[in-house]
Amino acid sequence: MSYRPRTRRRTFGWQLFTLVSCTALSAYFTYHTVAGRYGLQARTALSSRVTILEFEAESLDHARSSIKNEIALLAPDQPDPDLVAEIARDVLGYARPSDRIYRLR
């Protein structure tokens, strides 16, 4: 007596189920690759946001260095007289006696 392996005959229904399942899984993964939370569209949006934030950080660094320079000029041991005069004119509204003041109506 010889052993004959039992073979399963694949029916059309089983083949159709397999095809539909594989197609559905491929569609699912393709959708999430493109439009998912970590997909290509999200990556594009994050890349543009990174560019905007880098520009904003650079402008804030320039503003910070400018303020740091002004603070250094206003050091309590020896402040810059020109900067003190400029602040007195702009903020406090002071003027020198030799200045001509014009009032616009």
C-alpha atoms as a PDB file:
ATOM      1  CA  MET A   1       0.000   0.000   0.000  1.00  0.00           C
ATOM      2  CA  SER A   2       1.521   3.272  -1.054  1.00  0.00           C
ATOM      3  CA  TYR A   3       0.878   6.505   0.730  1.00  0.00           C
ATOM      4  CA  ARG A   4      -0.744   9.084  -1.409  1.00  0.00           C
ATOM      5  CA  PRO A   5      -0.771  12.612  -0.001  1.00  0.00           C
ATOM      6  CA  ARG A   6      -4.125  14.180   0.294  1.00  0.00           C
ATOM      7  CA  THR A   7      -4.395  17.161  -2.018  1.00  0.00           C
ATOM      8  CA  ARG A   8      -6.935  19.860  -1.671  1.00  0.00           C
ATOM      9  CA  ARG A   9      -8.595  20.852  -4.833  1.00  0.00           C
ATOM     10  CA  ARG A  10      -8.810  24.579  -5.172  1.00  0.00           C
ATOM     11  CA  THR A  11     -12.181  25.710  -6.225  1.00  0.00           C
ATOM     12  CA  PHE A  12     -13.081  28.875  -8.055  1.00  0.00           C
ATOM     13  CA  GLY A  13     -14.638  30.319  -4.882  1.00  0.00           C
ATOM     14  CA  TRP A  14     -11.424  29.846  -2.910  1.00  0.00           C
ATOM     15  CA  GLN A  15      -9.352  31.444  -5.658  1.00  0.00           C
ATOM     16  CA  LEU A  16     -11.742  34.384  -5.851  1.00  0.00           C
ATOM     17  CA  PHE A  17     -11.637  34.834  -2.055  1.00  0.00           C
ATOM     18  CA  THR A  18      -7.838  34.817  -2.115  1.00  0.00           C
ATOM     19  CA  LEU A  19      -7.722  37.346  -4.951  1.00  0.00           C
ATOM     20  CA  VAL A  20     -10.189  39.708  -3.282  1.00  0.00           C
ATOM     21  CA  SER A  21      -8.397  39.425   0.073  1.00  0.00           C
ATOM     22  CA  CYS A  22      -5.001  40.205  -1.445  1.00  0.00           C
ATOM     23  CA  THR A  23      -6.447  43.121  -3.420  1.00  0.00           C
ATOM     24  CA  ALA A  24      -8.145  44.517  -0.316  1.00  0.00           C
ATOM     25  CA  LEU A  25      -4.945  44.253   1.747  1.00  0.00           C
ATOM     26  CA  SER A  26      -2.936  45.914  -1.020  1.00  0.00           C
ATOM     27  CA  ALA A  27      -5.484  48.736  -1.258  1.00  0.00           C
ATOM     28  CA  TYR A  28      -5.471  49.183   2.524  1.00  0.00           C
ATOM     29  CA  PHE A  29      -1.700  49.460   2.762  1.00  0.00           C
ATOM     30  CA  THR A  30      -1.487  51.686  -0.325  1.00  0.00           C
ATOM     31  CA  TYR A  31      -4.076  54.083   1.108  1.00  0.00           C
ATOM     32  CA  HIS A  32      -2.279  54.329   4.425  1.00  0.00           C
ATOM     33  CA  THR A  33       1.067  54.776   2.691  1.00  0.00           C
ATOM     34  CA  VAL A  34      -0.260  57.808   0.833  1.00  0.00           C
ATOM     35  CA  ALA A  35      -2.940  59.362   3.049  1.00  0.00           C
ATOM     36  CA  GLY A  36      -2.428  57.800   6.454  1.00  0.00           C
ATOM     37  CA  ARG A  37      -1.280  59.478   9.628  1.00  0.00           C
ATOM     38  CA  TYR A  38       2.373  58.833   8.784  1.00  0.00           C
ATOM     39  CA  GLY A  39       1.903  58.742   5.013  1.00  0.00           C
ATOM     40  CA  LEU A  40       3.395  60.766   2.206  1.00  0.00           C
ATOM     41  CA  GLN A  41       0.854  63.595   2.482  1.00  0.00           C
ATOM     42  CA  ALA A  42       1.556  63.989   6.185  1.00  0.00           C
ATOM     43  CA  ARG A  43       5.282  64.010   5.484  1.00  0.00           C
ATOM     44  CA  THR A  44       4.851  66.760   2.885  1.00  0.00           C
ATOM     45  CA  ALA A  45       2.814  68.849   5.331  1.00  0.00           C
ATOM     46  CA  LEU A  46       5.430  68.347   8.054  1.00  0.00           C
ATOM     47  CA  SER A  47       8.243  69.293   5.676  1.00  0.00           C
ATOM     48  CA  SER A  48       6.565  72.585   4.808  1.00  0.00           C
ATOM     49  CA  ARG A  49       5.910  73.259   8.495  1.00  0.00           C
ATOM     50  CA  VAL A  50       9.570  72.557   9.301  1.00  0.00           C
ATOM     51  CA  THR A  51      10.614  75.116   6.682  1.00  0.00           C
ATOM     52  CA  ILE A  52       8.304  77.750   8.168  1.00  0.00           C
ATOM     53  CA  LEU A  53       9.447  77.038  11.727  1.00  0.00           C
ATOM     54  CA  GLU A  54      13.126  77.148  10.743  1.00  0.00           C
ATOM     55  CA  PHE A  55      12.573  80.575   9.174  1.00  0.00           C
ATOM     56  CA  GLU A  56      10.755  81.747  12.307  1.00  0.00           C
ATOM     57  CA  ALA A  57      13.525  80.415  14.555  1.00  0.00           C
ATOM     58  CA  GLU A  58      16.140  82.207  12.456  1.00  0.00           C
ATOM     59  CA  SER A  59      14.262  85.514  12.689  1.00  0.00           C
ATOM     60  CA  LEU A  60      13.898  85.058  16.455  1.00  0.00           C
ATOM     61  CA  ASP A  61      17.653  84.418  16.726  1.00  0.00           C
ATOM     62  CA  HIS A  62      18.317  87.698  14.903  1.00  0.00           C
ATOM     63  CA  ALA A  63      15.929  89.561  17.219  1.00  0.00           C
ATOM     64  CA  ARG A  64      17.550  87.933  20.248  1.00  0.00           C
ATOM     65  CA  SER A  65      21.046  88.921  19.140  1.00  0.00           C
ATOM     66  CA  SER A  66      19.858  92.488  18.515  1.00  0.00           C
ATOM     67  CA  ILE A  67      18.328  92.707  21.986  1.00  0.00           C
ATOM     68  CA  LYS A  68      21.433  91.147  23.502  1.00  0.00           C
ATOM     69  CA  ASN A  69      23.559  93.806  21.782  1.00  0.00           C
ATOM     70  CA  GLU A  70      21.347  96.601  23.118  1.00  0.00           C
ATOM     71  CA  ILE A  71      21.551  95.135  26.619  1.00  0.00           C
ATOM     72  CA  ALA A  72      25.335  95.087  26.346  1.00  0.00           C
ATOM     73  CA  LEU A  73      25.278  98.765  25.314  1.00  0.00           C
ATOM     74  CA  LEU A  74      23.183  99.606  28.376  1.00  0.00           C
ATOM     75  CA  ALA A  75      25.556  97.955  30.829  1.00  0.00           C
ATOM     76  CA  PRO A  76      25.245  99.550  34.285  1.00  0.00           C
ATOM     77  CA  ASP A  77      28.978 100.198  34.644  1.00  0.00           C
ATOM     78  CA  GLN A  78      29.286 102.338  31.494  1.00  0.00           C
ATOM     79  CA  PRO A  79      26.201 102.782  29.273  1.00  0.00           C
ATOM     80  CA  ASP A  80      26.489 104.089  25.729  1.00  0.00           C
ATOM     81  CA  PRO A  81      25.490 107.782  25.849  1.00  0.00           C
ATOM     82  CA  ASP A  82      24.019 107.786  22.334  1.00  0.00           C
ATOM     83  CA  LEU A  83      21.727 104.864  23.119  1.00  0.00           C
ATOM     84  CA  VAL A  84      20.618 106.445  26.384  1.00  0.00           C
ATOM     85  CA  ALA A  85      19.789 109.677  24.552  1.00  0.00           C
ATOM     86  CA  GLU A  86      17.889 107.762  21.860  1.00  0.00           C
ATOM     87  CA  ILE A  87      15.813 105.898  24.452  1.00  0.00           C
ATOM     88  CA  ALA A  88      15.122 109.136  26.336  1.00  0.00           C
ATOM     89  CA  ARG A  89      13.861 110.752  23.131  1.00  0.00           C
ATOM     90  CA  ASP A  90      11.736 107.839  21.914  1.00  0.00           C
ATOM     91  CA  VAL A  91      10.286 106.459  25.119  1.00  0.00           C
ATOM     92  CA  LEU A  92      10.208 109.458  27.440  1.00  0.00           C
ATOM     93  CA  GLY A  93       9.643 112.153  24.831  1.00  0.00           C
ATOM     94  CA  TYR A  94      12.606 114.280  25.893  1.00  0.00           C
ATOM     95  CA  ALA A  95      14.328 116.667  23.524  1.00  0.00           C
ATOM     96  CA  ARG A  96      17.522 118.690  23.617  1.00  0.00           C
ATOM     97  CA  PRO A  97      17.276 122.435  24.022  1.00  0.00           C
ATOM     98  CA  SER A  98      18.785 122.903  20.569  1.00  0.00           C
ATOM     99  CA  ASP A  99      16.172 120.667  18.847  1.00  0.00           C
ATOM    100  CA  ARG A 100      13.398 122.196  16.794  1.00  0.00           C
ATOM    101  CA  ILE A 101      10.052 120.590  17.402  1.00  0.00           C
ATOM    102  CA  TYR A 102       7.354 120.751  14.756  1.00  0.00           C
ATOM    103  CA  ARG A 103       3.763 119.922  15.530  1.00  0.00           C
ATOM    104  CA  LEU A 104       1.641 118.563  12.687  1.00  0.00           C
ATOM    105  CA  ARG A 105      -2.037 119.378  12.689  1.00  0.00           C
END
